[in-house]
């Protein structure tokens, strides 16, 4: 008998507005950086299409550059997907300003960002 398997995520993934993000990590004695685009977000993490893919398990710093800049958030690379996709698990629940910027395109002060 076939049963549907429940989604294993603890938090629902939300759609995001057009954005540009930055992911940074230590490699040997220098900081590596890649730009990318956030594809979705939840309270526990995000999926990013990155120009360069950090190694699995790598601790990283993540922030949004547009539509509004956010503070850096600690995360870890938990999966690699198709076409340079990286799954990031946040070290702590998603900060509210990051969530608002990602899903609504508003900055932490509540101002609507227009293009």
PDB file of N, CA and C in Angstrom:
ATOM      1  N   UNK A   1       0.834  -1.165   0.000  1.00  0.00           N
ATOM      2  CA  UNK A   1       0.000   0.000   0.000  1.00  0.00           C
ATOM      3  C   UNK A   1       0.887   1.239   0.000  1.00  0.00           C
ATOM      4  N   UNK A   2       0.612   2.197  -0.912  1.00  0.00           N
ATOM      5  CA  UNK A   2       1.412   3.413  -1.051  1.00  0.00           C
ATOM      6  C   UNK A   2       0.837   4.517  -0.173  1.00  0.00           C
ATOM      7  N   UNK A   3       1.706   5.128   0.638  1.00  0.00           N
ATOM      8  CA  UNK A   3       1.290   6.244   1.477  1.00  0.00           C
ATOM      9  C   UNK A   3       2.119   7.460   1.128  1.00  0.00           C
ATOM     10  N   UNK A   4       1.496   8.642   1.199  1.00  0.00           N
ATOM     11  CA  UNK A   4       2.234   9.872   0.966  1.00  0.00           C
ATOM     12  C   UNK A   4       3.204  10.097   2.111  1.00  0.00           C
ATOM     13  N   UNK A   5       4.402  10.493   1.770  1.00  0.00           N
ATOM     14  CA  UNK A   5       5.406  10.780   2.779  1.00  0.00           C
ATOM     15  C   UNK A   5       5.300  12.253   3.145  1.00  0.00           C
ATOM     16  N   UNK A   6       5.189  12.552   4.417  1.00  0.00           N
ATOM     17  CA  UNK A   6       5.085  13.945   4.871  1.00  0.00           C
ATOM     18  C   UNK A   6       6.391  14.680   4.595  1.00  0.00           C
ATOM     19  N   UNK A   7       6.280  15.966   4.305  1.00  0.00           N
ATOM     20  CA  UNK A   7       7.456  16.803   4.109  1.00  0.00           C
ATOM     21  C   UNK A   7       8.294  16.751   5.376  1.00  0.00           C
ATOM     22  N   UNK A   8       9.593  16.506   5.233  1.00  0.00           N
ATOM     23  CA  UNK A   8      10.464  16.352   6.390  1.00  0.00           C
ATOM     24  C   UNK A   8      10.898  17.684   6.992  1.00  0.00           C
ATOM     25  N   UNK A   9      10.614  18.787   6.318  1.00  0.00           N
ATOM     26  CA  UNK A   9      11.012  20.096   6.832  1.00  0.00           C
ATOM     27  C   UNK A   9      10.141  20.492   8.018  1.00  0.00           C
ATOM     28  N   UNK A  10      10.765  21.137   8.980  1.00  0.00           N
ATOM     29  CA  UNK A  10      10.036  21.610  10.151  1.00  0.00           C
ATOM     30  C   UNK A  10       9.328  22.935   9.862  1.00  0.00           C
ATOM     31  N   UNK A  11       9.779  23.670   8.838  1.00  0.00           N
ATOM     32  CA  UNK A  11       9.193  24.974   8.502  1.00  0.00           C
ATOM     33  C   UNK A  11       8.858  25.017   7.012  1.00  0.00           C
ATOM     34  N   UNK A  12       7.797  25.706   6.691  1.00  0.00           N
ATOM     35  CA  UNK A  12       7.340  25.833   5.312  1.00  0.00           C
ATOM     36  C   UNK A  12       8.259  26.759   4.529  1.00  0.00           C
ATOM     37  N   UNK A  13       8.581  26.361   3.302  1.00  0.00           N
ATOM     38  CA  UNK A  13       9.372  27.220   2.418  1.00  0.00           C
ATOM     39  C   UNK A  13       8.464  28.262   1.799  1.00  0.00           C
ATOM     40  N   UNK A  14       8.931  29.502   1.768  1.00  0.00           N
ATOM     41  CA  UNK A  14       8.163  30.617   1.217  1.00  0.00           C
ATOM     42  C   UNK A  14       8.838  31.123  -0.057  1.00  0.00           C
ATOM     43  N   UNK A  15       8.017  31.618  -0.979  1.00  0.00           N
ATOM     44  CA  UNK A  15       8.536  32.250  -2.195  1.00  0.00           C
ATOM     45  C   UNK A  15       9.228  33.555  -1.819  1.00  0.00           C
ATOM     46  N   UNK A  16      10.181  33.967  -2.643  1.00  0.00           N
ATOM     47  CA  UNK A  16      10.939  35.191  -2.378  1.00  0.00           C
ATOM     48  C   UNK A  16      10.808  36.162  -3.546  1.00  0.00           C
ATOM     49  N   UNK A  17      11.063  37.433  -3.268  1.00  0.00           N
ATOM     50  CA  UNK A  17      11.084  38.456  -4.308  1.00  0.00           C
ATOM     51  C   UNK A  17      12.440  38.403  -5.018  1.00  0.00           C
ATOM     52  N   UNK A  18      12.556  39.098  -6.150  1.00  0.00           N
ATOM     53  CA  UNK A  18      13.834  39.171  -6.867  1.00  0.00           C
ATOM     54  C   UNK A  18      14.904  39.689  -5.915  1.00  0.00           C
ATOM     55  N   UNK A  19      16.082  39.051  -5.932  1.00  0.00           N
ATOM     56  CA  UNK A  19      17.104  39.394  -4.948  1.00  0.00           C
ATOM     57  C   UNK A  19      18.494  39.061  -5.459  1.00  0.00           C
ATOM     58  N   UNK A  20      19.486  39.567  -4.755  1.00  0.00           N
ATOM     59  CA  UNK A  20      20.892  39.202  -4.914  1.00  0.00           C
ATOM     60  C   UNK A  20      21.423  38.963  -3.525  1.00  0.00           C
ATOM     61  N   UNK A  21      22.155  37.865  -3.337  1.00  0.00           N
ATOM     62  CA  UNK A  21      22.695  37.525  -2.028  1.00  0.00           C
ATOM     63  C   UNK A  21      24.197  37.290  -2.124  1.00  0.00           C
ATOM     64  N   UNK A  22      24.832  37.261  -0.968  1.00  0.00           N
ATOM     65  CA  UNK A  22      26.261  36.983  -0.869  1.00  0.00           C
ATOM     66  C   UNK A  22      26.458  35.873   0.156  1.00  0.00           C
ATOM     67  N   UNK A  23      27.312  34.914  -0.184  1.00  0.00           N
ATOM     68  CA  UNK A  23      27.682  33.831   0.726  1.00  0.00           C
ATOM     69  C   UNK A  23      29.206  33.855   0.852  1.00  0.00           C
ATOM     70  N   UNK A  24      29.709  33.847   2.088  1.00  0.00           N
ATOM     71  CA  UNK A  24      31.150  33.880   2.334  1.00  0.00           C
ATOM     72  C   UNK A  24      31.540  32.754   3.287  1.00  0.00           C
ATOM     73  N   UNK A  25      32.780  32.269   3.143  1.00  0.00           N
ATOM     74  CA  UNK A  25      33.281  31.209   4.012  1.00  0.00           C
ATOM     75  C   UNK A  25      34.804  31.237   4.017  1.00  0.00           C
ATOM     76  N   UNK A  26      35.382  30.649   5.075  1.00  0.00           N
ATOM     77  CA  UNK A  26      36.835  30.519   5.188  1.00  0.00           C
ATOM     78  C   UNK A  26      37.289  29.278   4.427  1.00  0.00           C
ATOM     79  N   UNK A  27      38.368  29.414   3.683  1.00  0.00           N
ATOM     80  CA  UNK A  27      39.029  28.287   3.027  1.00  0.00           C
ATOM     81  C   UNK A  27      40.523  28.496   3.202  1.00  0.00           C
ATOM     82  N   UNK A  28      41.160  27.597   3.920  1.00  0.00           N
ATOM     83  CA  UNK A  28      42.574  27.739   4.271  1.00  0.00           C
ATOM     84  C   UNK A  28      42.765  29.051   5.020  1.00  0.00           C
ATOM     85  N   UNK A  29      43.490  29.990   4.442  1.00  0.00           N
ATOM     86  CA  UNK A  29      43.786  31.235   5.155  1.00  0.00           C
ATOM     87  C   UNK A  29      43.129  32.457   4.523  1.00  0.00           C
ATOM     88  N   UNK A  30      42.076  32.260   3.733  1.00  0.00           N
ATOM     89  CA  UNK A  30      41.420  33.405   3.106  1.00  0.00           C
ATOM     90  C   UNK A  30      39.895  33.210   3.074  1.00  0.00           C
ATOM     91  N   UNK A  31      39.205  34.319   2.876  1.00  0.00           N
ATOM     92  CA  UNK A  31      37.742  34.283   2.786  1.00  0.00           C
ATOM     93  C   UNK A  31      37.339  34.143   1.324  1.00  0.00           C
ATOM     94  N   UNK A  32      36.484  33.171   1.057  1.00  0.00           N
ATOM     95  CA  UNK A  32      35.911  32.989  -0.278  1.00  0.00           C
ATOM     96  C   UNK A  32      34.545  33.661  -0.295  1.00  0.00           C
ATOM     97  N   UNK A  33      34.156  34.135  -1.457  1.00  0.00           N
ATOM     98  CA  UNK A  33      32.869  34.814  -1.601  1.00  0.00           C
ATOM     99  C   UNK A  33      32.223  34.379  -2.901  1.00  0.00           C
ATOM    100  N   UNK A  34      30.906  34.197  -2.846  1.00  0.00           N
ATOM    101  CA  UNK A  34      30.152  33.963  -4.060  1.00  0.00           C
ATOM    102  C   UNK A  34      28.858  34.758  -4.001  1.00  0.00           C
ATOM    103  N   UNK A  35      28.433  35.210  -5.156  1.00  0.00           N
ATOM    104  CA  UNK A  35      27.145  35.863  -5.270  1.00  0.00           C
ATOM    105  C   UNK A  35      26.118  34.834  -5.692  1.00  0.00           C
ATOM    106  N   UNK A  36      24.876  35.142  -5.483  1.00  0.00           N
ATOM    107  CA  UNK A  36      23.834  34.211  -5.872  1.00  0.00           C
ATOM    108  C   UNK A  36      22.465  34.836  -5.777  1.00  0.00           C
ATOM    109  N   UNK A  37      21.470  33.969  -5.898  1.00  0.00           N
ATOM    110  CA  UNK A  37      20.072  34.372  -5.852  1.00  0.00           C
ATOM    111  C   UNK A  37      19.327  33.407  -4.939  1.00  0.00           C
ATOM    112  N   UNK A  38      18.623  33.965  -3.963  1.00  0.00           N
ATOM    113  CA  UNK A  38      17.822  33.149  -3.059  1.00  0.00           C
ATOM    114  C   UNK A  38      16.591  32.652  -3.817  1.00  0.00           C
ATOM    115  N   UNK A  39      16.318  31.339  -3.724  1.00  0.00           N
ATOM    116  CA  UNK A  39      15.185  30.747  -4.433  1.00  0.00           C
ATOM    117  C   UNK A  39      13.962  30.572  -3.542  1.00  0.00           C
ATOM    118  N   UNK A  40      14.176  30.334  -2.262  1.00  0.00           N
ATOM    119  CA  UNK A  40      13.097  30.252  -1.274  1.00  0.00           C
ATOM    120  C   UNK A  40      13.701  30.419   0.107  1.00  0.00           C
ATOM    121  N   UNK A  41      12.835  30.541   1.108  1.00  0.00           N
ATOM    122  CA  UNK A  41      13.316  30.751   2.479  1.00  0.00           C
ATOM    123  C   UNK A  41      12.314  30.142   3.452  1.00  0.00           C
ATOM    124  N   UNK A  42      12.816  29.747   4.616  1.00  0.00           N
ATOM    125  CA  UNK A  42      11.972  29.295   5.722  1.00  0.00           C
ATOM    126  C   UNK A  42      12.617  29.784   7.011  1.00  0.00           C
ATOM    127  N   UNK A  43      12.001  29.497   8.132  1.00  0.00           N
ATOM    128  CA  UNK A  43      12.588  29.877   9.409  1.00  0.00           C
ATOM    129  C   UNK A  43      13.896  29.144   9.676  1.00  0.00           C
ATOM    130  N   UNK A  44      14.097  27.998   9.011  1.00  0.00           N
ATOM    131  CA  UNK A  44      15.290  27.205   9.268  1.00  0.00           C
ATOM    132  C   UNK A  44      16.395  27.315   8.249  1.00  0.00           C
ATOM    133  N   UNK A  45      16.109  27.881   7.058  1.00  0.00           N
ATOM    134  CA  UNK A  45      17.152  27.947   6.051  1.00  0.00           C
ATOM    135  C   UNK A  45      16.667  28.516   4.740  1.00  0.00           C
ATOM    136  N   UNK A  46      17.514  28.406   3.734  1.00  0.00           N
ATOM    137  CA  UNK A  46      17.216  28.959   2.421  1.00  0.00           C
ATOM    138  C   UNK A  46      17.875  28.121   1.340  1.00  0.00           C
ATOM    139  N   UNK A  47      17.324  28.209   0.145  1.00  0.00           N
ATOM    140  CA  UNK A  47      17.915  27.574  -1.032  1.00  0.00           C
ATOM    141  C   UNK A  47      18.449  28.685  -1.910  1.00  0.00           C
ATOM    142  N   UNK A  48      19.727  28.577  -2.299  1.00  0.00           N
ATOM    143  CA  UNK A  48      20.409  29.621  -3.060  1.00  0.00           C
ATOM    144  C   UNK A  48      20.985  29.026  -4.335  1.00  0.00           C
ATOM    145  N   UNK A  49      20.803  29.728  -5.451  1.00  0.00           N
ATOM    146  CA  UNK A  49      21.513  29.410  -6.692  1.00  0.00           C
ATOM    147  C   UNK A  49      22.768  30.279  -6.673  1.00  0.00           C
ATOM    148  N   UNK A  50      23.924  29.657  -6.473  1.00  0.00           N
ATOM    149  CA  UNK A  50      25.176  30.389  -6.264  1.00  0.00           C
ATOM    150  C   UNK A  50      26.085  30.289  -7.475  1.00  0.00           C
ATOM    151  N   UNK A  51      26.911  31.323  -7.661  1.00  0.00           N
ATOM    152  CA  UNK A  51      27.892  31.291  -8.740  1.00  0.00           C
ATOM    153  C   UNK A  51      28.965  30.241  -8.468  1.00  0.00           C
ATOM    154  N   UNK A  52      29.349  30.084  -7.201  1.00  0.00           N
ATOM    155  CA  UNK A  52      30.330  29.089  -6.763  1.00  0.00           C
ATOM    156  C   UNK A  52      29.707  28.313  -5.610  1.00  0.00           C
ATOM    157  N   UNK A  53      29.911  27.004  -5.574  1.00  0.00           N
ATOM    158  CA  UNK A  53      29.295  26.155  -4.553  1.00  0.00           C
ATOM    159  C   UNK A  53      30.301  25.843  -3.445  1.00  0.00           C
ATOM    160  N   UNK A  54      30.036  26.306  -2.205  1.00  0.00           N
ATOM    161  CA  UNK A  54      30.905  25.938  -1.087  1.00  0.00           C
ATOM    162  C   UNK A  54      30.765  24.441  -0.788  1.00  0.00           C
ATOM    163  N   UNK A  55      31.757  23.847  -0.128  1.00  0.00           N
ATOM    164  CA  UNK A  55      31.699  22.417   0.209  1.00  0.00           C
ATOM    165  C   UNK A  55      30.542  22.083   1.154  1.00  0.00           C
ATOM    166  N   UNK A  56      30.039  20.875   1.047  1.00  0.00           N
ATOM    167  CA  UNK A  56      29.026  20.385   1.992  1.00  0.00           C
ATOM    168  C   UNK A  56      29.573  20.458   3.410  1.00  0.00           C
ATOM    169  N   UNK A  57      28.728  20.860   4.341  1.00  0.00           N
ATOM    170  CA  UNK A  57      29.127  20.955   5.736  1.00  0.00           C
ATOM    171  C   UNK A  57      29.850  22.241   6.087  1.00  0.00           C
ATOM    172  N   UNK A  58      30.157  23.054   5.091  1.00  0.00           N
ATOM    173  CA  UNK A  58      30.925  24.284   5.300  1.00  0.00           C
ATOM    174  C   UNK A  58      30.103  25.328   6.061  1.00  0.00           C
ATOM    175  N   UNK A  59      30.627  25.862   7.176  1.00  0.00           N
ATOM    176  CA  UNK A  59      29.972  27.013   7.807  1.00  0.00           C
ATOM    177  C   UNK A  59      30.141  28.235   6.896  1.00  0.00           C
ATOM    178  N   UNK A  60      29.094  29.029   6.774  1.00  0.00           N
ATOM    179  CA  UNK A  60      29.122  30.208   5.900  1.00  0.00           C
ATOM    180  C   UNK A  60      28.450  31.385   6.588  1.00  0.00           C
ATOM    181  N   UNK A  61      28.671  32.577   6.044  1.00  0.00           N
ATOM    182  CA  UNK A  61      27.942  33.783   6.409  1.00  0.00           C
ATOM    183  C   UNK A  61      27.127  34.159   5.185  1.00  0.00           C
ATOM    184  N   UNK A  62      25.891  34.535   5.410  1.00  0.00           N
ATOM    185  CA  UNK A  62      24.942  34.801   4.335  1.00  0.00           C
ATOM    186  C   UNK A  62      24.259  36.140   4.584  1.00  0.00           C
ATOM    187  N   UNK A  63      24.112  36.965   3.541  1.00  0.00           N
ATOM    188  CA  UNK A  63      23.304  38.178   3.668  1.00  0.00           C
ATOM    189  C   UNK A  63      22.690  38.536   2.320  1.00  0.00           C
ATOM    190  N   UNK A  64      21.603  39.296   2.377  1.00  0.00           N
ATOM    191  CA  UNK A  64      20.940  39.797   1.181  1.00  0.00           C
ATOM    192  C   UNK A  64      21.556  41.151   0.848  1.00  0.00           C
ATOM    193  N   UNK A  65      21.837  41.377  -0.441  1.00  0.00           N
ATOM    194  CA  UNK A  65      22.356  42.669  -0.898  1.00  0.00           C
ATOM    195  C   UNK A  65      21.255  43.522  -1.519  1.00  0.00           C
ATOM    196  N   UNK A  66      20.365  42.893  -2.294  1.00  0.00           N
ATOM    197  CA  UNK A  66      19.206  43.590  -2.854  1.00  0.00           C
ATOM    198  C   UNK A  66      18.001  42.668  -2.759  1.00  0.00           C
ATOM    199  N   UNK A  67      16.814  43.163  -2.508  1.00  0.00           N
ATOM    200  CA  UNK A  67      16.355  44.537  -2.656  1.00  0.00           C
ATOM    201  C   UNK A  67      16.738  45.459  -1.501  1.00  0.00           C
ATOM    202  N   UNK A  68      17.140  44.916  -0.360  1.00  0.00           N
ATOM    203  CA  UNK A  68      17.613  45.714   0.769  1.00  0.00           C
ATOM    204  C   UNK A  68      18.682  44.897   1.480  1.00  0.00           C
ATOM    205  N   UNK A  69      19.731  45.539   1.920  1.00  0.00           N
ATOM    206  CA  UNK A  69      20.814  44.821   2.589  1.00  0.00           C
ATOM    207  C   UNK A  69      20.374  44.384   3.984  1.00  0.00           C
ATOM    208  N   UNK A  70      20.785  43.170   4.344  1.00  0.00           N
ATOM    209  CA  UNK A  70      20.513  42.646   5.687  1.00  0.00           C
ATOM    210  C   UNK A  70      21.837  42.354   6.387  1.00  0.00           C
ATOM    211  N   UNK A  71      21.767  42.159   7.676  1.00  0.00           N
ATOM    212  CA  UNK A  71      22.940  41.732   8.435  1.00  0.00           C
ATOM    213  C   UNK A  71      23.308  40.306   8.032  1.00  0.00           C
ATOM    214  N   UNK A  72      24.547  39.930   8.303  1.00  0.00           N
ATOM    215  CA  UNK A  72      24.984  38.564   8.023  1.00  0.00           C
ATOM    216  C   UNK A  72      24.327  37.583   8.987  1.00  0.00           C
ATOM    217  N   UNK A  73      24.057  36.398   8.468  1.00  0.00           N
ATOM    218  CA  UNK A  73      23.463  35.318   9.240  1.00  0.00           C
ATOM    219  C   UNK A  73      24.372  34.101   9.110  1.00  0.00           C
ATOM    220  N   UNK A  74      24.679  33.461  10.215  1.00  0.00           N
ATOM    221  CA  UNK A  74      25.473  32.236  10.180  1.00  0.00           C
ATOM    222  C   UNK A  74      24.634  31.073   9.677  1.00  0.00           C
ATOM    223  N   UNK A  75      25.240  30.229   8.847  1.00  0.00           N
ATOM    224  CA  UNK A  75      24.537  29.075   8.288  1.00  0.00           C
ATOM    225  C   UNK A  75      25.552  27.980   7.979  1.00  0.00           C
ATOM    226  N   UNK A  76      25.044  26.843   7.535  1.00  0.00           N
ATOM    227  CA  UNK A  76      25.894  25.720   7.127  1.00  0.00           C
ATOM    228  C   UNK A  76      25.320  25.151   5.832  1.00  0.00           C
ATOM    229  N   UNK A  77      26.214  24.768   4.911  1.00  0.00           N
ATOM    230  CA  UNK A  77      25.790  24.140   3.658  1.00  0.00           C
ATOM    231  C   UNK A  77      25.359  22.712   3.974  1.00  0.00           C
ATOM    232  N   UNK A  78      24.078  22.409   3.758  1.00  0.00           N
ATOM    233  CA  UNK A  78      23.559  21.090   4.100  1.00  0.00           C
ATOM    234  C   UNK A  78      23.223  20.246   2.882  1.00  0.00           C
ATOM    235  N   UNK A  79      23.178  20.872   1.705  1.00  0.00           N
ATOM    236  CA  UNK A  79      22.971  20.061   0.505  1.00  0.00           C
ATOM    237  C   UNK A  79      23.372  20.822  -0.736  1.00  0.00           C
ATOM    238  N   UNK A  80      23.722  20.053  -1.752  1.00  0.00           N
ATOM    239  CA  UNK A  80      23.975  20.573  -3.093  1.00  0.00           C
ATOM    240  C   UNK A  80      22.839  20.097  -3.974  1.00  0.00           C
ATOM    241  N   UNK A  81      22.331  20.964  -4.812  1.00  0.00           N
ATOM    242  CA  UNK A  81      21.253  20.611  -5.721  1.00  0.00           C
ATOM    243  C   UNK A  81      21.689  20.807  -7.152  1.00  0.00           C
ATOM    244  N   UNK A  82      20.712  20.840  -8.020  1.00  0.00           N
ATOM    245  CA  UNK A  82      20.992  21.020  -9.443  1.00  0.00           C
ATOM    246  C   UNK A  82      21.427  22.459  -9.732  1.00  0.00           C
ATOM    247  N   UNK A  83      22.175  22.621 -10.782  1.00  0.00           N
ATOM    248  CA  UNK A  83      22.571  23.938 -11.296  1.00  0.00           C
ATOM    249  C   UNK A  83      23.100  24.871 -10.208  1.00  0.00           C
ATOM    250  N   UNK A  84      24.086  24.431  -9.468  1.00  0.00           N
ATOM    251  CA  UNK A  84      24.744  25.247  -8.437  1.00  0.00           C
ATOM    252  C   UNK A  84      23.824  25.671  -7.301  1.00  0.00           C
ATOM    253  N   UNK A  85      22.817  24.888  -6.999  1.00  0.00           N
ATOM    254  CA  UNK A  85      21.958  25.192  -5.853  1.00  0.00           C
ATOM    255  C   UNK A  85      22.609  24.684  -4.572  1.00  0.00           C
ATOM    256  N   UNK A  86      22.521  25.520  -3.527  1.00  0.00           N
ATOM    257  CA  UNK A  86      23.018  25.111  -2.218  1.00  0.00           C
ATOM    258  C   UNK A  86      21.915  25.311  -1.182  1.00  0.00           C
ATOM    259  N   UNK A  87      21.715  24.303  -0.368  1.00  0.00           N
ATOM    260  CA  UNK A  87      20.783  24.402   0.745  1.00  0.00           C
ATOM    261  C   UNK A  87      21.540  24.867   1.968  1.00  0.00           C
ATOM    262  N   UNK A  88      21.087  25.962   2.573  1.00  0.00           N
ATOM    263  CA  UNK A  88      21.724  26.498   3.775  1.00  0.00           C
ATOM    264  C   UNK A  88      20.794  26.324   4.960  1.00  0.00           C
ATOM    265  N   UNK A  89      21.333  25.831   6.057  1.00  0.00           N
ATOM    266  CA  UNK A  89      20.603  25.719   7.311  1.00  0.00           C
ATOM    267  C   UNK A  89      21.109  26.823   8.236  1.00  0.00           C
ATOM    268  N   UNK A  90      20.212  27.714   8.665  1.00  0.00           N
ATOM    269  CA  UNK A  90      20.612  28.811   9.542  1.00  0.00           C
ATOM    270  C   UNK A  90      21.049  28.276  10.901  1.00  0.00           C
ATOM    271  N   UNK A  91      22.048  28.933  11.506  1.00  0.00           N
ATOM    272  CA  UNK A  91      22.530  28.549  12.832  1.00  0.00           C
ATOM    273  C   UNK A  91      21.471  28.834  13.901  1.00  0.00           C
ATOM    274  N   UNK A  92      20.641  29.845  13.666  1.00  0.00           N
ATOM    275  CA  UNK A  92      19.548  30.246  14.557  1.00  0.00           C
ATOM    276  C   UNK A  92      18.324  30.496  13.690  1.00  0.00           C
ATOM    277  N   UNK A  93      17.133  30.551  14.276  1.00  0.00           N
ATOM    278  CA  UNK A  93      15.952  30.844  13.453  1.00  0.00           C
ATOM    279  C   UNK A  93      16.150  32.118  12.621  1.00  0.00           C
ATOM    280  N   UNK A  94      15.539  32.138  11.468  1.00  0.00           N
ATOM    281  CA  UNK A  94      15.685  33.242  10.520  1.00  0.00           C
ATOM    282  C   UNK A  94      15.328  34.581  11.168  1.00  0.00           C
ATOM    283  N   UNK A  95      16.235  35.562  11.112  1.00  0.00           N
ATOM    284  CA  UNK A  95      15.916  36.885  11.654  1.00  0.00           C
ATOM    285  C   UNK A  95      14.747  37.523  10.889  1.00  0.00           C
ATOM    286  N   UNK A  96      13.934  38.269  11.608  1.00  0.00           N
ATOM    287  CA  UNK A  96      12.727  38.860  11.026  1.00  0.00           C
ATOM    288  C   UNK A  96      13.056  39.795   9.861  1.00  0.00           C
ATOM    289  N   UNK A  97      14.119  40.607   9.986  1.00  0.00           N
ATOM    290  CA  UNK A  97      14.458  41.528   8.896  1.00  0.00           C
ATOM    291  C   UNK A  97      14.834  40.768   7.626  1.00  0.00           C
ATOM    292  N   UNK A  98      15.545  39.658   7.756  1.00  0.00           N
ATOM    293  CA  UNK A  98      15.900  38.841   6.601  1.00  0.00           C
ATOM    294  C   UNK A  98      14.648  38.250   5.964  1.00  0.00           C
ATOM    295  N   UNK A  99      13.744  37.754   6.792  1.00  0.00           N
ATOM    296  CA  UNK A  99      12.505  37.154   6.297  1.00  0.00           C
ATOM    297  C   UNK A  99      11.657  38.181   5.539  1.00  0.00           C
ATOM    298  N   UNK A 100      11.522  39.389   6.103  1.00  0.00           N
ATOM    299  CA  UNK A 100      10.753  40.451   5.439  1.00  0.00           C
ATOM    300  C   UNK A 100      11.401  40.883   4.131  1.00  0.00           C
ATOM    301  N   UNK A 101      12.714  41.027   4.138  1.00  0.00           N
ATOM    302  CA  UNK A 101      13.416  41.424   2.921  1.00  0.00           C
ATOM    303  C   UNK A 101      13.244  40.369   1.843  1.00  0.00           C
ATOM    304  N   UNK A 102      13.370  39.105   2.215  1.00  0.00           N
ATOM    305  CA  UNK A 102      13.280  38.022   1.245  1.00  0.00           C
ATOM    306  C   UNK A 102      11.869  37.850   0.682  1.00  0.00           C
ATOM    307  N   UNK A 103      10.870  37.914   1.532  1.00  0.00           N
ATOM    308  CA  UNK A 103       9.513  37.579   1.089  1.00  0.00           C
ATOM    309  C   UNK A 103       8.690  38.769   0.623  1.00  0.00           C
ATOM    310  N   UNK A 104       8.969  39.953   1.163  1.00  0.00           N
ATOM    311  CA  UNK A 104       8.158  41.126   0.826  1.00  0.00           C
ATOM    312  C   UNK A 104       8.937  42.248   0.155  1.00  0.00           C
ATOM    313  N   UNK A 105      10.256  42.174   0.187  1.00  0.00           N
ATOM    314  CA  UNK A 105      11.063  43.224  -0.420  1.00  0.00           C
ATOM    315  C   UNK A 105      11.044  44.521   0.357  1.00  0.00           C
ATOM    316  N   UNK A 106      10.838  44.424   1.686  1.00  0.00           N
ATOM    317  CA  UNK A 106      10.883  45.632   2.509  1.00  0.00           C
ATOM    318  C   UNK A 106      12.098  45.568   3.412  1.00  0.00           C
ATOM    319  N   UNK A 107      12.636  46.725   3.724  1.00  0.00           N
ATOM    320  CA  UNK A 107      13.807  46.763   4.588  1.00  0.00           C
ATOM    321  C   UNK A 107      13.383  46.643   6.041  1.00  0.00           C
ATOM    322  N   UNK A 108      14.330  46.473   6.948  1.00  0.00           N
ATOM    323  CA  UNK A 108      13.980  46.287   8.365  1.00  0.00           C
ATOM    324  C   UNK A 108      13.200  47.442   8.980  1.00  0.00           C
ATOM    325  N   UNK A 109      13.276  48.624   8.394  1.00  0.00           N
ATOM    326  CA  UNK A 109      12.523  49.770   8.930  1.00  0.00           C
ATOM    327  C   UNK A 109      11.094  49.791   8.417  1.00  0.00           C
ATOM    328  N   UNK A 110      10.735  48.854   7.538  1.00  0.00           N
ATOM    329  CA  UNK A 110       9.373  48.783   7.044  1.00  0.00           C
ATOM    330  C   UNK A 110       9.118  49.602   5.798  1.00  0.00           C
ATOM    331  N   UNK A 111      10.168  50.167   5.208  1.00  0.00           N
ATOM    332  CA  UNK A 111       9.992  50.965   3.997  1.00  0.00           C
ATOM    333  C   UNK A 111       9.930  50.071   2.792  1.00  0.00           C
ATOM    334  N   UNK A 112       9.012  50.317   1.890  1.00  0.00           N
ATOM    335  CA  UNK A 112       8.901  49.541   0.662  1.00  0.00           C
ATOM    336  C   UNK A 112      10.062  49.884  -0.251  1.00  0.00           C
ATOM    337  N   UNK A 113      10.724  48.859  -0.748  1.00  0.00           N
ATOM    338  CA  UNK A 113      11.844  49.050  -1.670  1.00  0.00           C
ATOM    339  C   UNK A 113      11.293  49.005  -3.080  1.00  0.00           C
ATOM    340  N   UNK A 114      11.531  50.032  -3.865  1.00  0.00           N
ATOM    341  CA  UNK A 114      11.049  50.067  -5.246  1.00  0.00           C
ATOM    342  C   UNK A 114      12.219  50.073  -6.196  1.00  0.00           C
ATOM    343  N   UNK A 115      11.973  49.597  -7.398  1.00  0.00           N
ATOM    344  CA  UNK A 115      13.036  49.549  -8.422  1.00  0.00           C
ATOM    345  C   UNK A 115      12.619  50.370  -9.607  1.00  0.00           C
TER     346      UNK A 115
END
